[in-house]
PDB file of all heavy atoms in Angstrom:
ATOM      1  N   ALA A   1      -2.131  15.603  24.052  1.00  0.00           N
ATOM      2  CA  ALA A   1      -0.965  15.144  23.294  1.00  0.00           C
ATOM      3  C   ALA A   1      -1.302  15.037  21.819  1.00  0.00           C
ATOM      4  O   ALA A   1      -2.376  14.540  21.452  1.00  0.00           O
ATOM      5  CB  ALA A   1      -0.505  13.788  23.817  1.00  0.00           C
ATOM      6  N   PHE A   2      -0.357  15.487  20.976  1.00  0.00           N
ATOM      7  CA  PHE A   2      -0.470  15.266  19.539  1.00  0.00           C
ATOM      8  C   PHE A   2       0.571  14.232  19.141  1.00  0.00           C
ATOM      9  O   PHE A   2       1.754  14.386  19.454  1.00  0.00           O
ATOM     10  CB  PHE A   2      -0.264  16.547  18.729  1.00  0.00           C
ATOM     11  CG  PHE A   2      -0.333  16.304  17.245  1.00  0.00           C
ATOM     12  CD1 PHE A   2      -1.559  16.197  16.609  1.00  0.00           C
ATOM     13  CD2 PHE A   2       0.822  16.144  16.490  1.00  0.00           C
ATOM     14  CE1 PHE A   2      -1.634  15.931  15.247  1.00  0.00           C
ATOM     15  CE2 PHE A   2       0.759  15.887  15.136  1.00  0.00           C
ATOM     16  CZ  PHE A   2      -0.477  15.789  14.500  1.00  0.00           C
ATOM     17  N   MET A   3       0.138  13.199  18.437  1.00  0.00           N
ATOM     18  CA  MET A   3       1.023  12.125  18.011  1.00  0.00           C
ATOM     19  C   MET A   3       1.362  12.271  16.532  1.00  0.00           C
ATOM     20  O   MET A   3       0.487  12.085  15.674  1.00  0.00           O
ATOM     21  CB  MET A   3       0.346  10.768  18.241  1.00  0.00           C
ATOM     22  CG  MET A   3       0.033  10.481  19.693  1.00  0.00           C
ATOM     23  SD  MET A   3      -0.750   8.864  19.947  1.00  0.00           S
ATOM     24  CE  MET A   3      -2.412   9.208  19.358  1.00  0.00           C
ATOM     25  N   PRO A   4       2.616  12.595  16.190  1.00  0.00           N
ATOM     26  CA  PRO A   4       3.004  12.558  14.778  1.00  0.00           C
ATOM     27  C   PRO A   4       2.846  11.141  14.235  1.00  0.00           C
ATOM     28  O   PRO A   4       3.015  10.156  14.959  1.00  0.00           O
ATOM     29  CB  PRO A   4       4.479  12.975  14.807  1.00  0.00           C
ATOM     30  CG  PRO A   4       4.643  13.714  16.096  1.00  0.00           C
ATOM     31  CD  PRO A   4       3.707  13.066  17.055  1.00  0.00           C
ATOM     32  N   VAL A   5       2.521  11.044  12.955  1.00  0.00           N
ATOM     33  CA  VAL A   5       2.251   9.746  12.348  1.00  0.00           C
ATOM     34  C   VAL A   5       3.498   9.226  11.639  1.00  0.00           C
ATOM     35  O   VAL A   5       4.018   9.869  10.727  1.00  0.00           O
ATOM     36  CB  VAL A   5       1.071   9.854  11.362  1.00  0.00           C
ATOM     37  CG1 VAL A   5       0.839   8.523  10.648  1.00  0.00           C
ATOM     38  CG2 VAL A   5      -0.195  10.274  12.105  1.00  0.00           C
ATOM     39  N   GLY A   6       3.950   8.045  12.068  1.00  0.00           N
ATOM     40  CA  GLY A   6       5.062   7.348  11.417  1.00  0.00           C
ATOM     41  C   GLY A   6       4.509   6.162  10.649  1.00  0.00           C
ATOM     42  O   GLY A   6       4.669   5.011  11.071  1.00  0.00           O
ATOM     43  N   THR A   7       3.864   6.422   9.547  1.00  0.00           N
ATOM     44  CA  THR A   7       3.100   5.410   8.816  1.00  0.00           C
ATOM     45  C   THR A   7       3.884   4.117   8.608  1.00  0.00           C
ATOM     46  O   THR A   7       3.450   3.041   8.998  1.00  0.00           O
ATOM     47  CB  THR A   7       2.663   5.969   7.451  1.00  0.00           C
ATOM     48  OG1 THR A   7       1.877   7.131   7.664  1.00  0.00           O
ATOM     49  CG2 THR A   7       1.859   4.936   6.673  1.00  0.00           C
ATOM     50  N   ALA A   8       5.037   4.216   7.996  1.00  0.00           N
ATOM     51  CA  ALA A   8       5.832   3.034   7.644  1.00  0.00           C
ATOM     52  C   ALA A   8       7.099   2.979   8.494  1.00  0.00           C
ATOM     53  O   ALA A   8       8.197   2.755   7.990  1.00  0.00           O
ATOM     54  CB  ALA A   8       6.185   3.061   6.162  1.00  0.00           C
ATOM     55  N   ALA A   9       6.949   3.192   9.805  1.00  0.00           N
ATOM     56  CA  ALA A   9       8.060   3.185  10.764  1.00  0.00           C
ATOM     57  C   ALA A   9       8.990   4.377  10.550  1.00  0.00           C
ATOM     58  O   ALA A   9      10.184   4.307  10.835  1.00  0.00           O
ATOM     59  CB  ALA A   9       8.848   1.879  10.706  1.00  0.00           C
ATOM     60  N   THR A  10       8.434   5.470  10.067  1.00  0.00           N
ATOM     61  CA  THR A  10       9.192   6.717   9.953  1.00  0.00           C
ATOM     62  C   THR A  10       8.230   7.885   9.815  1.00  0.00           C
ATOM     63  O   THR A  10       7.216   7.775   9.113  1.00  0.00           O
ATOM     64  CB  THR A  10      10.144   6.705   8.736  1.00  0.00           C
ATOM     65  OG1 THR A  10      10.744   7.992   8.582  1.00  0.00           O
ATOM     66  CG2 THR A  10       9.418   6.349   7.445  1.00  0.00           C
ATOM     67  N   VAL A  11       8.522   8.979  10.510  1.00  0.00           N
ATOM     68  CA  VAL A  11       7.843  10.240  10.238  1.00  0.00           C
ATOM     69  C   VAL A  11       8.585  10.840   9.051  1.00  0.00           C
ATOM     70  O   VAL A  11       9.750  11.221   9.164  1.00  0.00           O
ATOM     71  CB  VAL A  11       7.886  11.186  11.451  1.00  0.00           C
ATOM     72  CG1 VAL A  11       7.209  12.512  11.117  1.00  0.00           C
ATOM     73  CG2 VAL A  11       7.217  10.530  12.654  1.00  0.00           C
ATOM     74  N   LYS A  12       7.937  10.905   7.928  1.00  0.00           N
ATOM     75  CA  LYS A  12       8.616  11.231   6.673  1.00  0.00           C
ATOM     76  C   LYS A  12       9.404  12.532   6.774  1.00  0.00           C
ATOM     77  O   LYS A  12       8.927  13.530   7.285  1.00  0.00           O
ATOM     78  CB  LYS A  12       7.602  11.313   5.532  1.00  0.00           C
ATOM     79  CG  LYS A  12       7.002   9.967   5.141  1.00  0.00           C
ATOM     80  CD  LYS A  12       6.008  10.111   4.003  1.00  0.00           C
ATOM     81  CE  LYS A  12       5.487   8.767   3.512  1.00  0.00           C
ATOM     82  NZ  LYS A  12       4.768   8.008   4.539  1.00  0.00           N
ATOM     83  N   ALA A  13      10.640  12.494   6.285  1.00  0.00           N
ATOM     84  CA  ALA A  13      11.558  13.634   6.212  1.00  0.00           C
ATOM     85  C   ALA A  13      12.153  14.026   7.563  1.00  0.00           C
ATOM     86  O   ALA A  13      12.827  15.051   7.659  1.00  0.00           O
ATOM     87  CB  ALA A  13      10.906  14.859   5.562  1.00  0.00           C
ATOM     88  N   MET A  14      11.924  13.222   8.612  1.00  0.00           N
ATOM     89  CA  MET A  14      12.416  13.552   9.948  1.00  0.00           C
ATOM     90  C   MET A  14      13.207  12.395  10.542  1.00  0.00           C
ATOM     91  O   MET A  14      12.820  11.227  10.412  1.00  0.00           O
ATOM     92  CB  MET A  14      11.238  13.863  10.878  1.00  0.00           C
ATOM     93  CG  MET A  14      10.425  15.078  10.508  1.00  0.00           C
ATOM     94  SD  MET A  14      11.258  16.635  10.847  1.00  0.00           S
ATOM     95  CE  MET A  14      11.125  16.720  12.648  1.00  0.00           C
ATOM     96  N   LEU A  15      14.312  12.721  11.237  1.00  0.00           N
ATOM     97  CA  LEU A  15      14.989  11.741  12.080  1.00  0.00           C
ATOM     98  C   LEU A  15      14.203  11.587  13.381  1.00  0.00           C
ATOM     99  O   LEU A  15      13.589  12.554  13.858  1.00  0.00           O
ATOM    100  CB  LEU A  15      16.413  12.192  12.389  1.00  0.00           C
ATOM    101  CG  LEU A  15      17.413  12.171  11.235  1.00  0.00           C
ATOM    102  CD1 LEU A  15      18.683  12.897  11.632  1.00  0.00           C
ATOM    103  CD2 LEU A  15      17.723  10.736  10.824  1.00  0.00           C
ATOM    104  N   PRO A  16      14.215  10.407  13.995  1.00  0.00           N
ATOM    105  CA  PRO A  16      13.497  10.241  15.262  1.00  0.00           C
ATOM    106  C   PRO A  16      13.909  11.254  16.327  1.00  0.00           C
ATOM    107  O   PRO A  16      13.055  11.793  17.042  1.00  0.00           O
ATOM    108  CB  PRO A  16      13.852   8.812  15.675  1.00  0.00           C
ATOM    109  CG  PRO A  16      14.139   8.113  14.391  1.00  0.00           C
ATOM    110  CD  PRO A  16      14.801   9.145  13.533  1.00  0.00           C
ATOM    111  N   GLY A  17      15.199  11.536  16.423  1.00  0.00           N
ATOM    112  CA  GLY A  17      15.657  12.526  17.395  1.00  0.00           C
ATOM    113  C   GLY A  17      15.112  13.912  17.110  1.00  0.00           C
ATOM    114  O   GLY A  17      14.834  14.685  18.035  1.00  0.00           O
ATOM    115  N   SER A  18      14.937  14.231  15.847  1.00  0.00           N
ATOM    116  CA  SER A  18      14.372  15.525  15.473  1.00  0.00           C
ATOM    117  C   SER A  18      12.906  15.611  15.855  1.00  0.00           C
ATOM    118  O   SER A  18      12.422  16.658  16.302  1.00  0.00           O
ATOM    119  CB  SER A  18      14.529  15.750  13.967  1.00  0.00           C
ATOM    120  OG  SER A  18      15.888  15.649  13.575  1.00  0.00           O
ATOM    121  N   VAL A  19      12.174  14.509  15.690  1.00  0.00           N
ATOM    122  CA  VAL A  19      10.768  14.481  16.100  1.00  0.00           C
ATOM    123  C   VAL A  19      10.669  14.713  17.605  1.00  0.00           C
ATOM    124  O   VAL A  19       9.821  15.475  18.074  1.00  0.00           O
ATOM    125  CB  VAL A  19      10.111  13.139  15.713  1.00  0.00           C
ATOM    126  CG1 VAL A  19       8.675  13.089  16.211  1.00  0.00           C
ATOM    127  CG2 VAL A  19      10.146  12.942  14.206  1.00  0.00           C
ATOM    128  N   ARG A  20      11.551  14.080  18.350  1.00  0.00           N
ATOM    129  CA  ARG A  20      11.554  14.271  19.796  1.00  0.00           C
ATOM    130  C   ARG A  20      11.868  15.725  20.156  1.00  0.00           C
ATOM    131  O   ARG A  20      11.273  16.294  21.079  1.00  0.00           O
ATOM    132  CB  ARG A  20      12.569  13.327  20.440  1.00  0.00           C
ATOM    133  CG  ARG A  20      12.732  13.476  21.942  1.00  0.00           C
ATOM    134  CD  ARG A  20      11.441  13.202  22.676  1.00  0.00           C
ATOM    135  NE  ARG A  20      11.608  13.311  24.120  1.00  0.00           N
ATOM    136  CZ  ARG A  20      10.651  13.584  24.978  1.00  0.00           C
ATOM    137  NH1 ARG A  20       9.410  13.777  24.557  1.00  0.00           N
ATOM    138  NH2 ARG A  20      10.893  13.650  26.265  1.00  0.00           N
ATOM    139  N   GLU A  21      12.786  16.346  19.415  1.00  0.00           N
ATOM    140  CA  GLU A  21      13.151  17.742  19.680  1.00  0.00           C
ATOM    141  C   GLU A  21      11.971  18.692  19.485  1.00  0.00           C
ATOM    142  O   GLU A  21      11.922  19.756  20.096  1.00  0.00           O
ATOM    143  CB  GLU A  21      14.307  18.175  18.777  1.00  0.00           C
ATOM    144  CG  GLU A  21      15.671  17.674  19.229  1.00  0.00           C
ATOM    145  CD  GLU A  21      16.781  18.248  18.377  1.00  0.00           C
ATOM    146  OE1 GLU A  21      16.804  19.486  18.159  1.00  0.00           O
ATOM    147  OE2 GLU A  21      17.630  17.462  17.904  1.00  0.00           O
ATOM    148  N   THR A  22      11.011  18.324  18.633  1.00  0.00           N
ATOM    149  CA  THR A  22       9.840  19.186  18.460  1.00  0.00           C
ATOM    150  C   THR A  22       8.946  19.176  19.700  1.00  0.00           C
ATOM    151  O   THR A  22       8.079  20.027  19.836  1.00  0.00           O
ATOM    152  CB  THR A  22       8.995  18.762  17.241  1.00  0.00           C
ATOM    153  OG1 THR A  22       8.378  17.490  17.496  1.00  0.00           O
ATOM    154  CG2 THR A  22       9.833  18.707  15.971  1.00  0.00           C
ATOM    155  N   GLY A  23       9.135  18.177  20.569  1.00  0.00           N
ATOM    156  CA  GLY A  23       8.324  18.076  21.771  1.00  0.00           C
ATOM    157  C   GLY A  23       7.400  16.882  21.808  1.00  0.00           C
ATOM    158  O   GLY A  23       6.613  16.725  22.752  1.00  0.00           O
ATOM    159  N   ALA A  24       7.484  16.003  20.812  1.00  0.00           N
ATOM    160  CA  ALA A  24       6.600  14.836  20.762  1.00  0.00           C
ATOM    161  C   ALA A  24       6.989  13.819  21.827  1.00  0.00           C
ATOM    162  O   ALA A  24       8.164  13.478  21.969  1.00  0.00           O
ATOM    163  CB  ALA A  24       6.657  14.188  19.387  1.00  0.00           C
ATOM    164  N   ASP A  25       5.986  13.319  22.558  1.00  0.00           N
ATOM    165  CA  ASP A  25       6.205  12.292  23.574  1.00  0.00           C
ATOM    166  C   ASP A  25       5.896  10.895  23.054  1.00  0.00           C
ATOM    167  O   ASP A  25       6.289   9.903  23.665  1.00  0.00           O
ATOM    168  CB  ASP A  25       5.313  12.550  24.795  1.00  0.00           C
ATOM    169  CG  ASP A  25       5.694  13.795  25.568  1.00  0.00           C
ATOM    170  OD1 ASP A  25       6.877  14.189  25.515  1.00  0.00           O
ATOM    171  OD2 ASP A  25       4.811  14.375  26.222  1.00  0.00           O
ATOM    172  N   ILE A  26       5.154  10.802  21.946  1.00  0.00           N
ATOM    173  CA  ILE A  26       4.666   9.520  21.442  1.00  0.00           C
ATOM    174  C   ILE A  26       4.453   9.627  19.940  1.00  0.00           C
ATOM    175  O   ILE A  26       4.113  10.696  19.427  1.00  0.00           O
ATOM    176  CB  ILE A  26       3.353   9.122  22.166  1.00  0.00           C
ATOM    177  CG1 ILE A  26       2.785   7.807  21.611  1.00  0.00           C
ATOM    178  CG2 ILE A  26       2.314  10.247  22.099  1.00  0.00           C
ATOM    179  CD1 ILE A  26       1.588   7.275  22.405  1.00  0.00           C
ATOM    180  N   LEU A  27       4.670   8.515  19.232  1.00  0.00           N
ATOM    181  CA  LEU A  27       4.413   8.428  17.796  1.00  0.00           C
ATOM    182  C   LEU A  27       3.324   7.410  17.531  1.00  0.00           C
ATOM    183  O   LEU A  27       3.051   6.535  18.349  1.00  0.00           O
ATOM    184  CB  LEU A  27       5.674   7.982  17.037  1.00  0.00           C
ATOM    185  CG  LEU A  27       6.901   8.865  17.084  1.00  0.00           C
ATOM    186  CD1 LEU A  27       7.989   8.253  16.196  1.00  0.00           C
ATOM    187  CD2 LEU A  27       6.574  10.264  16.628  1.00  0.00           C
ATOM    188  N   LEU A  28       2.740   7.501  16.340  1.00  0.00           N
ATOM    189  CA  LEU A  28       1.761   6.519  15.887  1.00  0.00           C
ATOM    190  C   LEU A  28       2.329   5.731  14.725  1.00  0.00           C
ATOM    191  O   LEU A  28       2.934   6.289  13.807  1.00  0.00           O
ATOM    192  CB  LEU A  28       0.457   7.212  15.464  1.00  0.00           C
ATOM    193  CG  LEU A  28      -0.679   6.298  15.003  1.00  0.00           C
ATOM    194  CD1 LEU A  28      -2.021   6.841  15.473  1.00  0.00           C
ATOM    195  CD2 LEU A  28      -0.708   6.144  13.476  1.00  0.00           C
ATOM    196  N   GLY A  29       2.153   4.409  14.761  1.00  0.00           N
ATOM    197  CA  GLY A  29       2.523   3.538  13.652  1.00  0.00           C
ATOM    198  C   GLY A  29       1.285   2.881  13.070  1.00  0.00           C
ATOM    199  O   GLY A  29       0.287   2.679  13.770  1.00  0.00           O
ATOM    200  N   ASN A  30       1.334   2.511  11.794  1.00  0.00           N
ATOM    201  CA  ASN A  30       0.166   1.967  11.100  1.00  0.00           C
ATOM    202  C   ASN A  30       0.279   0.456  10.912  1.00  0.00           C
ATOM    203  O   ASN A  30       1.125  -0.026  10.157  1.00  0.00           O
ATOM    204  CB  ASN A  30      -0.008   2.634   9.740  1.00  0.00           C
ATOM    205  CG  ASN A  30      -0.483   4.067   9.862  1.00  0.00           C
ATOM    206  OD1 ASN A  30       0.256   4.979   9.559  1.00  0.00           O
ATOM    207  ND2 ASN A  30      -1.705   4.265  10.330  1.00  0.00           N
ATOM    208  N   THR A  31      -0.587  -0.269  11.581  1.00  0.00           N
ATOM    209  CA  THR A  31      -0.587  -1.728  11.504  1.00  0.00           C
ATOM    210  C   THR A  31      -0.748  -2.220  10.071  1.00  0.00           C
ATOM    211  O   THR A  31      -0.030  -3.115   9.620  1.00  0.00           O
ATOM    212  CB  THR A  31      -1.708  -2.290  12.396  1.00  0.00           C
ATOM    213  OG1 THR A  31      -1.347  -2.069  13.762  1.00  0.00           O
ATOM    214  CG2 THR A  31      -1.933  -3.770  12.154  1.00  0.00           C
ATOM    215  N   TYR A  32      -1.684  -1.635   9.331  1.00  0.00           N
ATOM    216  CA  TYR A  32      -1.945  -2.080   7.959  1.00  0.00           C
ATOM    217  C   TYR A  32      -0.690  -1.984   7.097  1.00  0.00           C
ATOM    218  O   TYR A  32      -0.309  -2.944   6.410  1.00  0.00           O
ATOM    219  CB  TYR A  32      -3.078  -1.239   7.364  1.00  0.00           C
ATOM    220  CG  TYR A  32      -3.302  -1.414   5.882  1.00  0.00           C
ATOM    221  CD1 TYR A  32      -4.125  -2.419   5.385  1.00  0.00           C
ATOM    222  CD2 TYR A  32      -2.693  -0.554   4.965  1.00  0.00           C
ATOM    223  CE1 TYR A  32      -4.340  -2.572   4.023  1.00  0.00           C
ATOM    224  CE2 TYR A  32      -2.900  -0.698   3.601  1.00  0.00           C
ATOM    225  CZ  TYR A  32      -3.717  -1.708   3.133  1.00  0.00           C
ATOM    226  OH  TYR A  32      -3.913  -1.853   1.775  1.00  0.00           O
ATOM    227  N   HIS A  33      -0.043  -0.833   7.124  1.00  0.00           N
ATOM    228  CA  HIS A  33       1.144  -0.641   6.282  1.00  0.00           C
ATOM    229  C   HIS A  33       2.291  -1.545   6.720  1.00  0.00           C
ATOM    230  O   HIS A  33       2.982  -2.140   5.883  1.00  0.00           O
ATOM    231  CB  HIS A  33       1.581   0.826   6.319  1.00  0.00           C
ATOM    232  CG  HIS A  33       0.641   1.737   5.609  1.00  0.00           C
ATOM    233  ND1 HIS A  33       0.639   1.900   4.246  1.00  0.00           N
ATOM    234  CD2 HIS A  33      -0.353   2.532   6.078  1.00  0.00           C
ATOM    235  CE1 HIS A  33      -0.301   2.753   3.891  1.00  0.00           C
ATOM    236  NE2 HIS A  33      -0.925   3.151   4.989  1.00  0.00           N
ATOM    237  N   LEU A  34       2.512  -1.659   8.024  1.00  0.00           N
ATOM    238  CA  LEU A  34       3.644  -2.441   8.519  1.00  0.00           C
ATOM    239  C   LEU A  34       3.428  -3.939   8.342  1.00  0.00           C
ATOM    240  O   LEU A  34       4.392  -4.686   8.134  1.00  0.00           O
ATOM    241  CB  LEU A  34       3.905  -2.103   9.981  1.00  0.00           C
ATOM    242  CG  LEU A  34       4.373  -0.666  10.230  1.00  0.00           C
ATOM    243  CD1 LEU A  34       4.397  -0.360  11.719  1.00  0.00           C
ATOM    244  CD2 LEU A  34       5.749  -0.417   9.621  1.00  0.00           C
ATOM    245  N   MET A  35       2.185  -4.418   8.408  1.00  0.00           N
ATOM    246  CA  MET A  35       1.926  -5.850   8.199  1.00  0.00           C
ATOM    247  C   MET A  35       2.183  -6.241   6.742  1.00  0.00           C
ATOM    248  O   MET A  35       2.539  -7.389   6.458  1.00  0.00           O
ATOM    249  CB  MET A  35       0.491  -6.217   8.601  1.00  0.00           C
ATOM    250  CG  MET A  35      -0.580  -5.675   7.695  1.00  0.00           C
ATOM    251  SD  MET A  35      -2.265  -6.281   8.091  1.00  0.00           S
ATOM    252  CE  MET A  35      -2.237  -7.881   7.279  1.00  0.00           C
ATOM    253  N   LEU A  36       1.988  -5.284   5.826  1.00  0.00           N
ATOM    254  CA  LEU A  36       2.233  -5.563   4.416  1.00  0.00           C
ATOM    255  C   LEU A  36       3.706  -5.412   4.047  1.00  0.00           C
ATOM    256  O   LEU A  36       4.250  -6.185   3.246  1.00  0.00           O
ATOM    257  CB  LEU A  36       1.392  -4.622   3.545  1.00  0.00           C
ATOM    258  CG  LEU A  36      -0.130  -4.772   3.630  1.00  0.00           C
ATOM    259  CD1 LEU A  36      -0.807  -3.752   2.739  1.00  0.00           C
ATOM    260  CD2 LEU A  36      -0.563  -6.188   3.270  1.00  0.00           C
ATOM    261  N   ARG A  37       4.357  -4.430   4.653  1.00  0.00           N
ATOM    262  CA  ARG A  37       5.772  -4.159   4.332  1.00  0.00           C
ATOM    263  C   ARG A  37       6.401  -3.396   5.481  1.00  0.00           C
ATOM    264  O   ARG A  37       5.896  -2.326   5.812  1.00  0.00           O
ATOM    265  CB  ARG A  37       5.847  -3.346   3.021  1.00  0.00           C
ATOM    266  CG  ARG A  37       7.239  -3.107   2.507  1.00  0.00           C
ATOM    267  CD  ARG A  37       7.211  -2.467   1.120  1.00  0.00           C
ATOM    268  NE  ARG A  37       6.463  -1.199   1.099  1.00  0.00           N
ATOM    269  CZ  ARG A  37       6.067  -0.577  -0.010  1.00  0.00           C
ATOM    270  NH1 ARG A  37       6.330  -1.109  -1.193  1.00  0.00           N
ATOM    271  NH2 ARG A  37       5.424   0.568   0.051  1.00  0.00           N
ATOM    272  N   PRO A  38       7.386  -3.962   6.161  1.00  0.00           N
ATOM    273  CA  PRO A  38       8.175  -5.154   5.822  1.00  0.00           C
ATOM    274  C   PRO A  38       7.617  -6.452   6.389  1.00  0.00           C
ATOM    275  O   PRO A  38       8.209  -7.501   6.221  1.00  0.00           O
ATOM    276  CB  PRO A  38       9.517  -4.854   6.477  1.00  0.00           C
ATOM    277  CG  PRO A  38       9.158  -4.103   7.710  1.00  0.00           C
ATOM    278  CD  PRO A  38       7.983  -3.238   7.316  1.00  0.00           C
ATOM    279  N   THR A  39       6.492  -6.426   7.084  1.00  0.00           N
ATOM    280  CA  THR A  39       5.775  -7.462   7.835  1.00  0.00           C
ATOM    281  C   THR A  39       6.147  -7.357   9.311  1.00  0.00           C
ATOM    282  O   THR A  39       7.277  -7.013   9.676  1.00  0.00           O
ATOM    283  CB  THR A  39       6.009  -8.909   7.355  1.00  0.00           C
ATOM    284  OG1 THR A  39       7.285  -9.365   7.775  1.00  0.00           O
ATOM    285  CG2 THR A  39       5.827  -9.026   5.843  1.00  0.00           C
ATOM    286  N   ALA A  40       5.154  -7.661  10.148  1.00  0.00           N
ATOM    287  CA  ALA A  40       5.354  -7.608  11.592  1.00  0.00           C
ATOM    288  C   ALA A  40       6.372  -8.640  12.050  1.00  0.00           C
ATOM    289  O   ALA A  40       7.124  -8.418  13.007  1.00  0.00           O
ATOM    290  CB  ALA A  40       4.025  -7.832  12.298  1.00  0.00           C
ATOM    291  N   GLU A  41       6.418  -9.790  11.351  1.00  0.00           N
ATOM    292  CA  GLU A  41       7.365 -10.847  11.723  1.00  0.00           C
ATOM    293  C   GLU A  41       8.805 -10.379  11.546  1.00  0.00           C
ATOM    294  O   GLU A  41       9.670 -10.667  12.388  1.00  0.00           O
ATOM    295  CB  GLU A  41       7.099 -12.098  10.883  1.00  0.00           C
ATOM    296  CG  GLU A  41       5.805 -12.818  11.203  1.00  0.00           C
ATOM    297  CD  GLU A  41       4.558 -12.130  10.650  1.00  0.00           C
ATOM    298  OE1 GLU A  41       4.701 -11.203   9.806  1.00  0.00           O
ATOM    299  OE2 GLU A  41       3.441 -12.510  11.054  1.00  0.00           O
TER     300      GLU A  41
END
């Protein structure tokens, strides 16, 4: 499996449905970026 990277809760320039259409089964999110902005809370 290849996981596209959604660094800040988005795969840049792509809608989530479009990412799925490429064949992706799973995405990766970045804890560091999301904890800083917008925060996990």
